[in-house]
Each structure stands twice: as C-alpha cells, then as structure tokens.
PDB file of N, CA and C in Angstrom:
ATOM      1  N   MET A   1     -51.412  15.781  36.207  1.00  0.00           N
ATOM      2  CA  MET A   1     -51.182  14.242  36.286  1.00  0.00           C
ATOM      3  C   MET A   1     -51.189  13.796  34.789  1.00  0.00           C
ATOM      4  N   ASP A   2     -49.894  13.378  34.315  1.00  0.00           N
ATOM      5  CA  ASP A   2     -49.778  12.976  33.157  1.00  0.00           C
ATOM      6  C   ASP A   2     -50.383  11.745  32.713  1.00  0.00           C
ATOM      7  N   ILE A   3     -50.684  10.813  33.528  1.00  0.00           N
ATOM      8  CA  ILE A   3     -51.467   9.472  33.204  1.00  0.00           C
ATOM      9  C   ILE A   3     -52.826  10.011  32.894  1.00  0.00           C
ATOM     10  N   TYR A   4     -53.359  10.698  33.808  1.00  0.00           N
ATOM     11  CA  TYR A   4     -54.729  11.087  33.589  1.00  0.00           C
ATOM     12  C   TYR A   4     -55.114  11.858  32.167  1.00  0.00           C
ATOM     13  N   ARG A   5     -54.046  12.710  32.071  1.00  0.00           N
ATOM     14  CA  ARG A   5     -54.185  13.373  30.494  1.00  0.00           C
ATOM     15  C   ARG A   5     -53.868  12.530  29.764  1.00  0.00           C
ATOM     16  N   GLN A   6     -52.807  11.499  29.637  1.00  0.00           N
ATOM     17  CA  GLN A   6     -52.778  10.863  28.507  1.00  0.00           C
ATOM     18  C   GLN A   6     -54.036   9.934  27.998  1.00  0.00           C
ATOM     19  N   LEU A   7     -54.700   9.441  29.096  1.00  0.00           N
ATOM     20  CA  LEU A   7     -55.631   8.480  29.015  1.00  0.00           C
ATOM     21  C   LEU A   7     -57.005   9.194  28.607  1.00  0.00           C
ATOM     22  N   ARG A   8     -57.028  10.433  28.939  1.00  0.00           N
ATOM     23  CA  ARG A   8     -58.222  11.229  28.834  1.00  0.00           C
ATOM     24  C   ARG A   8     -58.179  11.680  27.194  1.00  0.00           C
ATOM     25  N   GLY A   9     -56.743  11.827  26.942  1.00  0.00           N
ATOM     26  CA  GLY A   9     -56.515  12.266  25.239  1.00  0.00           C
ATOM     27  C   GLY A   9     -57.042  11.129  24.506  1.00  0.00           C
ATOM     28  N   LEU A  10     -56.464  10.018  24.719  1.00  0.00           N
ATOM     29  CA  LEU A  10     -56.906   8.691  24.242  1.00  0.00           C
ATOM     30  C   LEU A  10     -58.410   8.299  24.138  1.00  0.00           C
ATOM     31  N   ILE A  11     -59.244   8.718  25.129  1.00  0.00           N
ATOM     32  CA  ILE A  11     -60.355   8.179  25.242  1.00  0.00           C
ATOM     33  C   ILE A  11     -61.146   9.539  24.300  1.00  0.00           C
ATOM     34  N   VAL A  12     -60.874  10.876  24.668  1.00  0.00           N
ATOM     35  CA  VAL A  12     -61.632  11.827  23.775  1.00  0.00           C
ATOM     36  C   VAL A  12     -61.589  11.672  22.236  1.00  0.00           C
ATOM     37  N   SER A  13     -60.159  11.086  22.074  1.00  0.00           N
ATOM     38  CA  SER A  13     -59.854  11.216  20.541  1.00  0.00           C
ATOM     39  C   SER A  13     -60.275  10.169  19.925  1.00  0.00           C
ATOM     40  N   GLY A  14     -61.093   9.039  20.514  1.00  0.00           N
ATOM     41  CA  GLY A  14     -61.459   8.026  20.079  1.00  0.00           C
ATOM     42  C   GLY A  14     -60.532   6.610  19.968  1.00  0.00           C
ATOM     43  N   GLN A  15     -59.292   6.904  20.236  1.00  0.00           N
ATOM     44  CA  GLN A  15     -58.357   5.906  20.129  1.00  0.00           C
ATOM     45  C   GLN A  15     -58.552   4.682  21.087  1.00  0.00           C
ATOM     46  N   LEU A  16     -59.325   5.020  22.265  1.00  0.00           N
ATOM     47  CA  LEU A  16     -59.714   3.870  23.046  1.00  0.00           C
ATOM     48  C   LEU A  16     -61.142   4.303  22.949  1.00  0.00           C
ATOM     49  N   GLY A  17     -62.116   3.097  22.437  1.00  0.00           N
ATOM     50  CA  GLY A  17     -63.315   3.155  22.140  1.00  0.00           C
ATOM     51  C   GLY A  17     -64.237   2.826  23.230  1.00  0.00           C
ATOM     52  N   ALA A  18     -65.622   3.049  23.063  1.00  0.00           N
ATOM     53  CA  ALA A  18     -66.531   2.713  24.262  1.00  0.00           C
ATOM     54  C   ALA A  18     -66.488   1.295  24.642  1.00  0.00           C
ATOM     55  N   ASN A  19     -66.579   0.854  25.796  1.00  0.00           N
ATOM     56  CA  ASN A  19     -66.355  -0.426  26.454  1.00  0.00           C
ATOM     57  C   ASN A  19     -65.200  -1.104  26.382  1.00  0.00           C
ATOM     58  N   GLU A  20     -64.198  -0.268  25.781  1.00  0.00           N
ATOM     59  CA  GLU A  20     -62.938  -1.047  25.733  1.00  0.00           C
ATOM     60  C   GLU A  20     -62.249  -0.865  27.167  1.00  0.00           C
ATOM     61  N   ARG A  21     -61.721  -2.128  27.440  1.00  0.00           N
ATOM     62  CA  ARG A  21     -61.158  -2.543  28.633  1.00  0.00           C
ATOM     63  C   ARG A  21     -59.857  -1.732  28.952  1.00  0.00           C
ATOM     64  N   LEU A  22     -59.511  -0.946  30.268  1.00  0.00           N
ATOM     65  CA  LEU A  22     -58.378  -0.405  30.103  1.00  0.00           C
ATOM     66  C   LEU A  22     -57.396  -1.401  31.097  1.00  0.00           C
ATOM     67  N   PRO A  23     -56.130  -1.454  31.004  1.00  0.00           N
ATOM     68  CA  PRO A  23     -55.397  -2.353  32.066  1.00  0.00           C
ATOM     69  C   PRO A  23     -55.798  -2.157  33.480  1.00  0.00           C
ATOM     70  N   THR A  24     -55.498  -3.058  34.278  1.00  0.00           N
ATOM     71  CA  THR A  24     -55.579  -3.022  35.608  1.00  0.00           C
ATOM     72  C   THR A  24     -54.784  -1.953  36.227  1.00  0.00           C
ATOM     73  N   VAL A  25     -55.229  -1.460  37.250  1.00  0.00           N
ATOM     74  CA  VAL A  25     -54.280  -0.327  38.028  1.00  0.00           C
ATOM     75  C   VAL A  25     -52.761  -0.950  38.088  1.00  0.00           C
ATOM     76  N   ARG A  26     -52.826  -2.040  38.417  1.00  0.00           N
ATOM     77  CA  ARG A  26     -51.400  -2.737  38.858  1.00  0.00           C
ATOM     78  C   ARG A  26     -50.514  -2.889  37.663  1.00  0.00           C
ATOM     79  N   GLN A  27     -51.338  -3.223  36.531  1.00  0.00           N
ATOM     80  CA  GLN A  27     -50.448  -3.670  35.370  1.00  0.00           C
ATOM     81  C   GLN A  27     -49.913  -2.237  34.842  1.00  0.00           C
ATOM     82  N   THR A  28     -50.917  -1.191  34.785  1.00  0.00           N
ATOM     83  CA  THR A  28     -50.441   0.089  34.272  1.00  0.00           C
ATOM     84  C   THR A  28     -49.296   0.581  35.010  1.00  0.00           C
ATOM     85  N   ALA A  29     -49.500   0.568  36.435  1.00  0.00           N
ATOM     86  CA  ALA A  29     -48.439   0.919  37.157  1.00  0.00           C
ATOM     87  C   ALA A  29     -47.076   0.534  36.964  1.00  0.00           C
ATOM     88  N   SER A  30     -47.141  -0.878  36.758  1.00  0.00           N
ATOM     89  CA  SER A  30     -45.951  -1.658  36.706  1.00  0.00           C
ATOM     90  C   SER A  30     -45.239  -1.520  34.949  1.00  0.00           C
ATOM     91  N   ASP A  31     -46.190  -1.049  34.112  1.00  0.00           N
ATOM     92  CA  ASP A  31     -45.864  -0.562  32.574  1.00  0.00           C
ATOM     93  C   ASP A  31     -45.043   0.561  32.656  1.00  0.00           C
ATOM     94  N   LEU A  32     -45.714   1.653  33.414  1.00  0.00           N
ATOM     95  CA  LEU A  32     -45.338   3.042  33.386  1.00  0.00           C
ATOM     96  C   LEU A  32     -44.131   3.130  34.628  1.00  0.00           C
ATOM     97  N   GLY A  33     -43.993   2.165  35.488  1.00  0.00           N
ATOM     98  CA  GLY A  33     -43.079   2.348  36.508  1.00  0.00           C
ATOM     99  C   GLY A  33     -43.345   3.359  37.560  1.00  0.00           C
ATOM    100  N   VAL A  34     -44.666   3.556  37.760  1.00  0.00           N
ATOM    101  CA  VAL A  34     -45.050   4.771  38.991  1.00  0.00           C
ATOM    102  C   VAL A  34     -45.941   3.847  39.828  1.00  0.00           C
ATOM    103  N   ALA A  35     -46.520   4.317  41.045  1.00  0.00           N
ATOM    104  CA  ALA A  35     -47.060   3.819  42.108  1.00  0.00           C
ATOM    105  C   ALA A  35     -48.369   3.464  41.546  1.00  0.00           C
ATOM    106  N   ALA A  36     -49.033   2.473  42.235  1.00  0.00           N
ATOM    107  CA  ALA A  36     -50.252   2.089  41.804  1.00  0.00           C
ATOM    108  C   ALA A  36     -51.355   3.135  42.478  1.00  0.00           C
ATOM    109  N   GLY A  37     -51.041   3.851  43.360  1.00  0.00           N
ATOM    110  CA  GLY A  37     -51.943   4.626  43.746  1.00  0.00           C
ATOM    111  C   GLY A  37     -51.851   5.905  42.971  1.00  0.00           C
ATOM    112  N   THR A  38     -51.137   6.473  42.071  1.00  0.00           N
ATOM    113  CA  THR A  38     -50.926   7.358  41.084  1.00  0.00           C
ATOM    114  C   THR A  38     -51.868   7.054  39.931  1.00  0.00           C
ATOM    115  N   VAL A  39     -51.886   5.563  39.529  1.00  0.00           N
ATOM    116  CA  VAL A  39     -52.572   4.913  38.449  1.00  0.00           C
ATOM    117  C   VAL A  39     -54.152   5.091  38.921  1.00  0.00           C
ATOM    118  N   ALA A  40     -54.499   4.751  40.337  1.00  0.00           N
ATOM    119  CA  ALA A  40     -55.846   4.775  40.845  1.00  0.00           C
ATOM    120  C   ALA A  40     -56.355   6.072  40.881  1.00  0.00           C
ATOM    121  N   LYS A  41     -55.450   7.063  41.280  1.00  0.00           N
ATOM    122  CA  LYS A  41     -56.126   8.452  41.258  1.00  0.00           C
ATOM    123  C   LYS A  41     -56.481   9.137  39.987  1.00  0.00           C
ATOM    124  N   ALA A  42     -55.712   8.635  38.699  1.00  0.00           N
ATOM    125  CA  ALA A  42     -56.132   9.015  37.647  1.00  0.00           C
ATOM    126  C   ALA A  42     -57.203   8.177  37.116  1.00  0.00           C
ATOM    127  N   TYR A  43     -57.434   6.875  37.051  1.00  0.00           N
ATOM    128  CA  TYR A  43     -58.738   6.465  36.925  1.00  0.00           C
ATOM    129  C   TYR A  43     -59.933   6.899  37.483  1.00  0.00           C
ATOM    130  N   LYS A  44     -59.657   7.293  39.041  1.00  0.00           N
ATOM    131  CA  LYS A  44     -60.835   7.628  39.576  1.00  0.00           C
ATOM    132  C   LYS A  44     -61.350   9.124  38.931  1.00  0.00           C
ATOM    133  N   MET A  45     -60.176   9.939  38.681  1.00  0.00           N
ATOM    134  CA  MET A  45     -60.536  11.440  38.180  1.00  0.00           C
ATOM    135  C   MET A  45     -61.236  11.150  36.502  1.00  0.00           C
ATOM    136  N   LEU A  46     -60.873  10.126  35.908  1.00  0.00           N
ATOM    137  CA  LEU A  46     -61.481   9.615  34.678  1.00  0.00           C
ATOM    138  C   LEU A  46     -63.133   9.156  34.876  1.00  0.00           C
ATOM    139  N   GLU A  47     -63.220   8.316  36.012  1.00  0.00           N
ATOM    140  CA  GLU A  47     -64.494   8.062  36.563  1.00  0.00           C
ATOM    141  C   GLU A  47     -65.450   9.258  36.925  1.00  0.00           C
ATOM    142  N   HIS A  48     -64.800   9.937  37.641  1.00  0.00           N
ATOM    143  CA  HIS A  48     -65.515  11.370  37.952  1.00  0.00           C
ATOM    144  C   HIS A  48     -65.987  12.115  36.754  1.00  0.00           C
ATOM    145  N   GLU A  49     -65.325  12.229  35.871  1.00  0.00           N
ATOM    146  CA  GLU A  49     -65.770  12.920  34.685  1.00  0.00           C
ATOM    147  C   GLU A  49     -66.673  12.234  33.811  1.00  0.00           C
ATOM    148  N   GLY A  50     -66.729  11.002  34.089  1.00  0.00           N
ATOM    149  CA  GLY A  50     -67.811   9.918  33.412  1.00  0.00           C
ATOM    150  C   GLY A  50     -67.068   9.167  32.030  1.00  0.00           C
ATOM    151  N   LEU A  51     -66.057   9.550  31.808  1.00  0.00           N
ATOM    152  CA  LEU A  51     -65.172   8.784  30.716  1.00  0.00           C
ATOM    153  C   LEU A  51     -64.717   7.380  31.072  1.00  0.00           C
ATOM    154  N   VAL A  52     -64.973   6.804  32.268  1.00  0.00           N
ATOM    155  CA  VAL A  52     -64.720   5.455  32.302  1.00  0.00           C
ATOM    156  C   VAL A  52     -65.740   4.890  33.322  1.00  0.00           C
ATOM    157  N   VAL A  53     -65.884   3.685  33.542  1.00  0.00           N
ATOM    158  CA  VAL A  53     -66.725   3.078  34.452  1.00  0.00           C
ATOM    159  C   VAL A  53     -65.954   1.825  35.103  1.00  0.00           C
ATOM    160  N   THR A  54     -65.846   1.763  36.444  1.00  0.00           N
ATOM    161  CA  THR A  54     -65.370   0.715  37.014  1.00  0.00           C
ATOM    162  C   THR A  54     -66.311  -0.232  37.682  1.00  0.00           C
ATOM    163  N   ARG A  55     -66.246  -1.572  37.430  1.00  0.00           N
ATOM    164  CA  ARG A  55     -67.018  -2.348  38.216  1.00  0.00           C
ATOM    165  C   ARG A  55     -66.187  -3.412  38.497  1.00  0.00           C
ATOM    166  N   THR A  56     -66.615  -3.851  39.859  1.00  0.00           N
ATOM    167  CA  THR A  56     -65.818  -5.187  40.545  1.00  0.00           C
ATOM    168  C   THR A  56     -66.244  -6.385  39.632  1.00  0.00           C
ATOM    169  N   ALA A  57     -64.941  -6.966  39.400  1.00  0.00           N
ATOM    170  CA  ALA A  57     -64.594  -8.178  38.532  1.00  0.00           C
ATOM    171  C   ALA A  57     -64.736  -7.886  36.977  1.00  0.00           C
ATOM    172  N   ALA A  58     -65.175  -6.601  36.751  1.00  0.00           N
ATOM    173  CA  ALA A  58     -65.213  -6.327  35.143  1.00  0.00           C
ATOM    174  C   ALA A  58     -64.046  -5.336  34.700  1.00  0.00           C
ATOM    175  N   GLY A  59     -63.557  -4.760  35.888  1.00  0.00           N
ATOM    176  CA  GLY A  59     -62.545  -3.887  35.595  1.00  0.00           C
ATOM    177  C   GLY A  59     -62.897  -2.464  35.274  1.00  0.00           C
ATOM    178  N   THR A  60     -62.047  -1.640  34.583  1.00  0.00           N
ATOM    179  CA  THR A  60     -62.312  -0.164  34.122  1.00  0.00           C
ATOM    180  C   THR A  60     -62.440  -0.233  32.749  1.00  0.00           C
ATOM    181  N   ARG A  61     -63.568   0.175  32.170  1.00  0.00           N
ATOM    182  CA  ARG A  61     -64.032   0.233  30.821  1.00  0.00           C
ATOM    183  C   ARG A  61     -64.177   1.551  30.519  1.00  0.00           C
ATOM    184  N   VAL A  62     -63.907   2.034  29.275  1.00  0.00           N
ATOM    185  CA  VAL A  62     -64.504   3.320  28.593  1.00  0.00           C
ATOM    186  C   VAL A  62     -65.728   3.278  28.666  1.00  0.00           C
ATOM    187  N   ALA A  63     -66.543   4.441  29.074  1.00  0.00           N
ATOM    188  CA  ALA A  63     -67.992   4.750  29.285  1.00  0.00           C
ATOM    189  C   ALA A  63     -68.538   4.510  27.779  1.00  0.00           C
ATOM    190  N   GLU A  64     -69.647   4.110  27.875  1.00  0.00           N
ATOM    191  CA  GLU A  64     -70.405   4.233  26.348  1.00  0.00           C
ATOM    192  C   GLU A  64     -70.673   5.854  26.220  1.00  0.00           C
ATOM    193  N   SER A  65     -70.806   6.390  27.181  1.00  0.00           N
ATOM    194  CA  SER A  65     -71.191   7.943  26.933  1.00  0.00           C
ATOM    195  C   SER A  65     -69.957   8.877  26.881  1.00  0.00           C
ATOM    196  N   ALA A  66     -68.927   8.321  26.848  1.00  0.00           N
ATOM    197  CA  ALA A  66     -67.460   9.243  26.812  1.00  0.00           C
ATOM    198  C   ALA A  66     -67.780   9.933  25.477  1.00  0.00           C
ATOM    199  N   ALA A  67     -67.316  11.352  26.010  1.00  0.00           N
ATOM    200  CA  ALA A  67     -67.569  12.203  24.681  1.00  0.00           C
ATOM    201  C   ALA A  67     -66.437  12.085  23.836  1.00  0.00           C
ATOM    202  N   VAL A  68     -66.550  11.431  22.569  1.00  0.00           N
ATOM    203  CA  VAL A  68     -65.567  11.306  21.651  1.00  0.00           C
ATOM    204  C   VAL A  68     -65.772  12.538  20.422  1.00  0.00           C
ATOM    205  N   LEU A  69     -64.568  13.090  19.823  1.00  0.00           N
ATOM    206  CA  LEU A  69     -64.659  13.814  18.847  1.00  0.00           C
ATOM    207  C   LEU A  69     -65.029  12.780  17.379  1.00  0.00           C
ATOM    208  N   PRO A  70     -65.823  13.451  16.743  1.00  0.00           N
ATOM    209  CA  PRO A  70     -65.972  12.737  15.440  1.00  0.00           C
ATOM    210  C   PRO A  70     -64.846  12.443  14.599  1.00  0.00           C
ATOM    211  N   SER A  71     -64.479  11.317  13.875  1.00  0.00           N
ATOM    212  CA  SER A  71     -63.132  11.245  13.421  1.00  0.00           C
ATOM    213  C   SER A  71     -62.968  12.228  12.331  1.00  0.00           C
ATOM    214  N   SER A  72     -63.951  12.953  11.745  1.00  0.00           N
ATOM    215  CA  SER A  72     -63.559  14.095  10.783  1.00  0.00           C
ATOM    216  C   SER A  72     -63.003  15.157  11.347  1.00  0.00           C
ATOM    217  N   VAL A  73     -63.673  15.408  12.638  1.00  0.00           N
ATOM    218  CA  VAL A  73     -62.773  16.694  13.510  1.00  0.00           C
ATOM    219  C   VAL A  73     -61.460  16.161  13.960  1.00  0.00           C
ATOM    220  N   MET A  74     -61.278  15.018  14.469  1.00  0.00           N
ATOM    221  CA  MET A  74     -59.850  14.533  14.866  1.00  0.00           C
ATOM    222  C   MET A  74     -58.772  14.436  13.486  1.00  0.00           C
ATOM    223  N   ARG A  75     -59.388  14.177  12.331  1.00  0.00           N
ATOM    224  CA  ARG A  75     -58.528  14.184  11.101  1.00  0.00           C
ATOM    225  C   ARG A  75     -58.143  15.611  10.727  1.00  0.00           C
ATOM    226  N   ARG A  76     -59.172  16.675  10.774  1.00  0.00           N
ATOM    227  CA  ARG A  76     -58.741  18.124  10.742  1.00  0.00           C
ATOM    228  C   ARG A  76     -57.795  18.669  11.724  1.00  0.00           C
ATOM    229  N   ILE A  77     -58.089  18.153  13.094  1.00  0.00           N
ATOM    230  CA  ILE A  77     -57.073  18.726  14.147  1.00  0.00           C
ATOM    231  C   ILE A  77     -55.678  18.167  13.777  1.00  0.00           C
ATOM    232  N   ARG A  78     -55.597  16.729  13.638  1.00  0.00           N
ATOM    233  CA  ARG A  78     -54.027  16.233  12.989  1.00  0.00           C
ATOM    234  C   ARG A  78     -53.577  17.169  11.775  1.00  0.00           C
ATOM    235  N   GLU A  79     -54.406  17.280  11.018  1.00  0.00           N
ATOM    236  CA  GLU A  79     -53.967  18.275   9.832  1.00  0.00           C
ATOM    237  C   GLU A  79     -53.417  19.522  10.411  1.00  0.00           C
ATOM    238  N   LEU A  80     -54.266  20.351  11.334  1.00  0.00           N
ATOM    239  CA  LEU A  80     -53.858  21.426  11.776  1.00  0.00           C
ATOM    240  C   LEU A  80     -52.471  21.512  12.391  1.00  0.00           C
ATOM    241  N   VAL A  81     -52.531  20.333  13.295  1.00  0.00           N
ATOM    242  CA  VAL A  81     -51.114  20.215  14.195  1.00  0.00           C
ATOM    243  C   VAL A  81     -49.949  20.074  13.214  1.00  0.00           C
ATOM    244  N   ALA A  82     -49.931  19.262  12.228  1.00  0.00           N
ATOM    245  CA  ALA A  82     -48.990  18.871  11.062  1.00  0.00           C
ATOM    246  C   ALA A  82     -48.580  20.232  10.510  1.00  0.00           C
ATOM    247  N   GLU A  83     -49.579  21.228   9.939  1.00  0.00           N
ATOM    248  CA  GLU A  83     -49.370  22.115   9.148  1.00  0.00           C
ATOM    249  C   GLU A  83     -48.637  23.250  10.258  1.00  0.00           C
ATOM    250  N   SER A  84     -49.160  23.368  11.302  1.00  0.00           N
ATOM    251  CA  SER A  84     -48.640  24.417  12.367  1.00  0.00           C
ATOM    252  C   SER A  84     -47.365  23.838  12.667  1.00  0.00           C
ATOM    253  N   SER A  85     -47.059  22.889  12.845  1.00  0.00           N
ATOM    254  CA  SER A  85     -45.627  22.332  13.289  1.00  0.00           C
ATOM    255  C   SER A  85     -44.756  22.620  12.215  1.00  0.00           C
ATOM    256  N   ALA A  86     -45.262  22.253  11.099  1.00  0.00           N
ATOM    257  CA  ALA A  86     -44.282  22.458   9.995  1.00  0.00           C
ATOM    258  C   ALA A  86     -43.924  23.963   9.613  1.00  0.00           C
ATOM    259  N   SER A  87     -44.837  24.572  10.123  1.00  0.00           N
ATOM    260  CA  SER A  87     -44.523  26.214   9.876  1.00  0.00           C
ATOM    261  C   SER A  87     -43.653  26.940  11.139  1.00  0.00           C
ATOM    262  N   GLY A  88     -43.576  26.055  12.127  1.00  0.00           N
ATOM    263  CA  GLY A  88     -42.928  26.518  13.169  1.00  0.00           C
ATOM    264  C   GLY A  88     -43.633  27.123  14.226  1.00  0.00           C
ATOM    265  N   ALA A  89     -45.093  26.902  14.084  1.00  0.00           N
ATOM    266  CA  ALA A  89     -45.938  27.617  15.225  1.00  0.00           C
ATOM    267  C   ALA A  89     -45.562  27.133  16.628  1.00  0.00           C
ATOM    268  N   ASP A  90     -46.049  27.928  17.434  1.00  0.00           N
ATOM    269  CA  ASP A  90     -45.865  27.145  18.924  1.00  0.00           C
ATOM    270  C   ASP A  90     -47.314  26.760  19.245  1.00  0.00           C
ATOM    271  N   ALA A  91     -47.021  25.275  19.784  1.00  0.00           N
ATOM    272  CA  ALA A  91     -48.450  24.739  20.361  1.00  0.00           C
ATOM    273  C   ALA A  91     -49.306  25.653  21.113  1.00  0.00           C
ATOM    274  N   ASP A  92     -48.576  26.333  22.210  1.00  0.00           N
ATOM    275  CA  ASP A  92     -49.575  26.967  22.963  1.00  0.00           C
ATOM    276  C   ASP A  92     -50.175  28.329  22.153  1.00  0.00           C
ATOM    277  N   ASP A  93     -49.540  28.714  21.377  1.00  0.00           N
ATOM    278  CA  ASP A  93     -50.166  29.929  20.395  1.00  0.00           C
ATOM    279  C   ASP A  93     -51.381  29.297  19.625  1.00  0.00           C
ATOM    280  N   VAL A  94     -51.161  28.189  18.992  1.00  0.00           N
ATOM    281  CA  VAL A  94     -52.148  27.521  18.215  1.00  0.00           C
ATOM    282  C   VAL A  94     -53.489  27.189  19.123  1.00  0.00           C
ATOM    283  N   VAL A  95     -53.144  26.793  20.242  1.00  0.00           N
ATOM    284  CA  VAL A  95     -54.392  26.667  21.166  1.00  0.00           C
ATOM    285  C   VAL A  95     -54.916  28.034  21.669  1.00  0.00           C
ATOM    286  N   ASN A  96     -54.196  29.078  21.846  1.00  0.00           N
ATOM    287  CA  ASN A  96     -54.792  30.297  22.006  1.00  0.00           C
ATOM    288  C   ASN A  96     -55.712  30.791  21.041  1.00  0.00           C
ATOM    289  N   VAL A  97     -55.239  30.512  19.749  1.00  0.00           N
ATOM    290  CA  VAL A  97     -55.874  31.094  18.759  1.00  0.00           C
ATOM    291  C   VAL A  97     -57.277  30.291  18.508  1.00  0.00           C
ATOM    292  N   LEU A  98     -57.085  29.027  18.709  1.00  0.00           N
ATOM    293  CA  LEU A  98     -58.382  28.426  18.537  1.00  0.00           C
ATOM    294  C   LEU A  98     -59.324  28.679  19.712  1.00  0.00           C
ATOM    295  N   ARG A  99     -59.061  29.239  20.816  1.00  0.00           N
ATOM    296  CA  ARG A  99     -60.089  29.552  21.870  1.00  0.00           C
ATOM    297  C   ARG A  99     -60.420  30.728  21.279  1.00  0.00           C
ATOM    298  N   VAL A 100     -59.872  31.680  20.835  1.00  0.00           N
ATOM    299  CA  VAL A 100     -60.430  32.846  20.344  1.00  0.00           C
ATOM    300  C   VAL A 100     -61.349  32.562  19.028  1.00  0.00           C
ATOM    301  N   VAL A 101     -60.834  31.964  18.152  1.00  0.00           N
ATOM    302  CA  VAL A 101     -61.972  31.656  17.111  1.00  0.00           C
ATOM    303  C   VAL A 101     -63.031  30.797  17.455  1.00  0.00           C
ATOM    304  N   TRP A 102     -62.931  30.144  18.546  1.00  0.00           N
ATOM    305  CA  TRP A 102     -64.128  29.217  19.173  1.00  0.00           C
ATOM    306  C   TRP A 102     -65.119  30.274  19.750  1.00  0.00           C
ATOM    307  N   ARG A 103     -64.572  31.055  20.651  1.00  0.00           N
ATOM    308  CA  ARG A 103     -65.343  32.119  21.163  1.00  0.00           C
ATOM    309  C   ARG A 103     -66.012  32.929  20.208  1.00  0.00           C
ATOM    310  N   THR A 104     -65.341  33.295  19.055  1.00  0.00           N
ATOM    311  CA  THR A 104     -65.982  34.238  18.051  1.00  0.00           C
ATOM    312  C   THR A 104     -67.033  33.450  17.360  1.00  0.00           C
ATOM    313  N   GLU A 105     -66.820  32.350  16.900  1.00  0.00           N
ATOM    314  CA  GLU A 105     -67.637  31.591  16.088  1.00  0.00           C
ATOM    315  C   GLU A 105     -68.859  30.909  16.864  1.00  0.00           C
ATOM    316  N   VAL A 106     -68.478  30.486  18.115  1.00  0.00           N
ATOM    317  CA  VAL A 106     -69.775  29.699  18.783  1.00  0.00           C
ATOM    318  C   VAL A 106     -70.294  30.800  19.851  1.00  0.00           C
ATOM    319  N   GLY A 107     -69.506  31.645  20.256  1.00  0.00           N
ATOM    320  CA  GLY A 107     -70.346  32.415  21.475  1.00  0.00           C
ATOM    321  C   GLY A 107     -70.298  33.952  20.924  1.00  0.00           C
ATOM    322  N   GLY A 108     -71.051  34.730  21.563  1.00  0.00           N
ATOM    323  CA  GLY A 108     -71.107  36.040  21.530  1.00  0.00           C
ATOM    324  C   GLY A 108     -71.610  36.352  20.091  1.00  0.00           C
ATOM    325  N   ALA A 109     -71.066  37.370  19.397  1.00  0.00           N
ATOM    326  CA  ALA A 109     -71.801  38.064  18.296  1.00  0.00           C
ATOM    327  C   ALA A 109     -71.565  37.101  17.188  1.00  0.00           C
ATOM    328  N   GLY A 110     -70.694  36.039  16.832  1.00  0.00           N
ATOM    329  CA  GLY A 110     -70.464  35.053  15.990  1.00  0.00           C
ATOM    330  C   GLY A 110     -71.772  34.065  15.867  1.00  0.00           C
ATOM    331  N   GLY A 111     -72.066  33.736  17.221  1.00  0.00           N
ATOM    332  CA  GLY A 111     -73.124  32.859  17.439  1.00  0.00           C
ATOM    333  C   GLY A 111     -74.460  33.520  17.216  1.00  0.00           C
ATOM    334  N   ALA A 112     -74.647  34.806  17.335  1.00  0.00           N
ATOM    335  CA  ALA A 112     -75.843  35.456  16.697  1.00  0.00           C
ATOM    336  C   ALA A 112     -76.100  35.849  15.599  1.00  0.00           C
ATOM    337  N   ALA A 113     -74.678  36.110  14.886  1.00  0.00           N
ATOM    338  CA  ALA A 113     -74.766  36.409  13.301  1.00  0.00           C
ATOM    339  C   ALA A 113     -75.270  34.964  12.763  1.00  0.00           C
ATOM    340  N   ARG A 114     -74.702  33.958  13.155  1.00  0.00           N
ATOM    341  CA  ARG A 114     -75.385  33.013  12.377  1.00  0.00           C
ATOM    342  C   ARG A 114     -76.673  32.355  12.608  1.00  0.00           C
ATOM    343  N   GLN A 115     -77.166  32.853  13.980  1.00  0.00           N
ATOM    344  CA  GLN A 115     -78.541  32.591  14.220  1.00  0.00           C
ATOM    345  C   GLN A 115     -79.545  33.456  13.236  1.00  0.00           C
ATOM    346  N   SER A 116     -79.339  34.852  13.230  1.00  0.00           N
ATOM    347  CA  SER A 116     -80.050  35.523  12.213  1.00  0.00           C
ATOM    348  C   SER A 116     -79.800  35.059  10.815  1.00  0.00           C
ATOM    349  N   ASP A 117     -78.831  34.592  10.363  1.00  0.00           N
ATOM    350  CA  ASP A 117     -78.676  33.938   9.013  1.00  0.00           C
ATOM    351  C   ASP A 117     -79.593  32.960   8.854  1.00  0.00           C
ATOM    352  N   ALA A 118     -79.612  31.980   9.673  1.00  0.00           N
ATOM    353  CA  ALA A 118     -80.637  31.082   9.617  1.00  0.00           C
ATOM    354  C   ALA A 118     -82.121  31.258   9.719  1.00  0.00           C
ATOM    355  N   ASP A 119     -82.651  32.764  10.002  1.00  0.00           N
ATOM    356  CA  ASP A 119     -84.079  32.867  10.096  1.00  0.00           C
ATOM    357  C   ASP A 119     -84.554  33.262   8.749  1.00  0.00           C
TER     358      ASP A 119
END
C-alpha cells in the first residue's frame, strides 16, 4: 500500500515529527485522489505499528514513541543513496548489500567479535 509506505517513511525518517498532526482521512483521500477507505486502512496500519495515535476530536498524530532514525544516520543514508545513484547502482542491490553488512556487523560473528574487543 503506497500511502502507508510513504507515510511510514516520512515518520521513520523524522520528516513528520512527534505529535505532528496528519491531515484527516477525508482530506488525504481528496488530495491523493483515492478512496477514504484506502487512507483509513493506511492510518490503521500505522496505528497498529505504534507510529501514530488517533483520538476522537484530536485527529491522528505521530506518536511520541515513533521510532525515528537520528538525523546523522539519515544524512549518511542520503549520502549513500546519492553516491550509489550517481555510480549507477541499483537500489535493490544496495539494500541487499546493506542487509548483508548489517547481519555481519550486528549479528553473528561480527557482534561477537565486537563484544570480545570490548572486554
């Protein structure tokens, strides 16, 4: 669901901050030219993830606890995207390599090696 992914991306990247109010379902549907039910479903999915909170008469707002990446991480991600794009790299390939590096550095032997270095 594109609306869900777009909104989630804005929240996780910090472009929509904690307590920031989202437009009403009806307004978003009108702006995007989609059915209100489609937007309502996206908002519910975000709420289920704990990224937004919906209250009667207060509308839907980004949750205080929404997990956002620090701005320094977002800056590096943007730099990676720009450099990768300029070199002609495919986005899927970059994401797959990032996953491999993440598993190597955070999980498995990479995590154990860092732990023993800290001892």
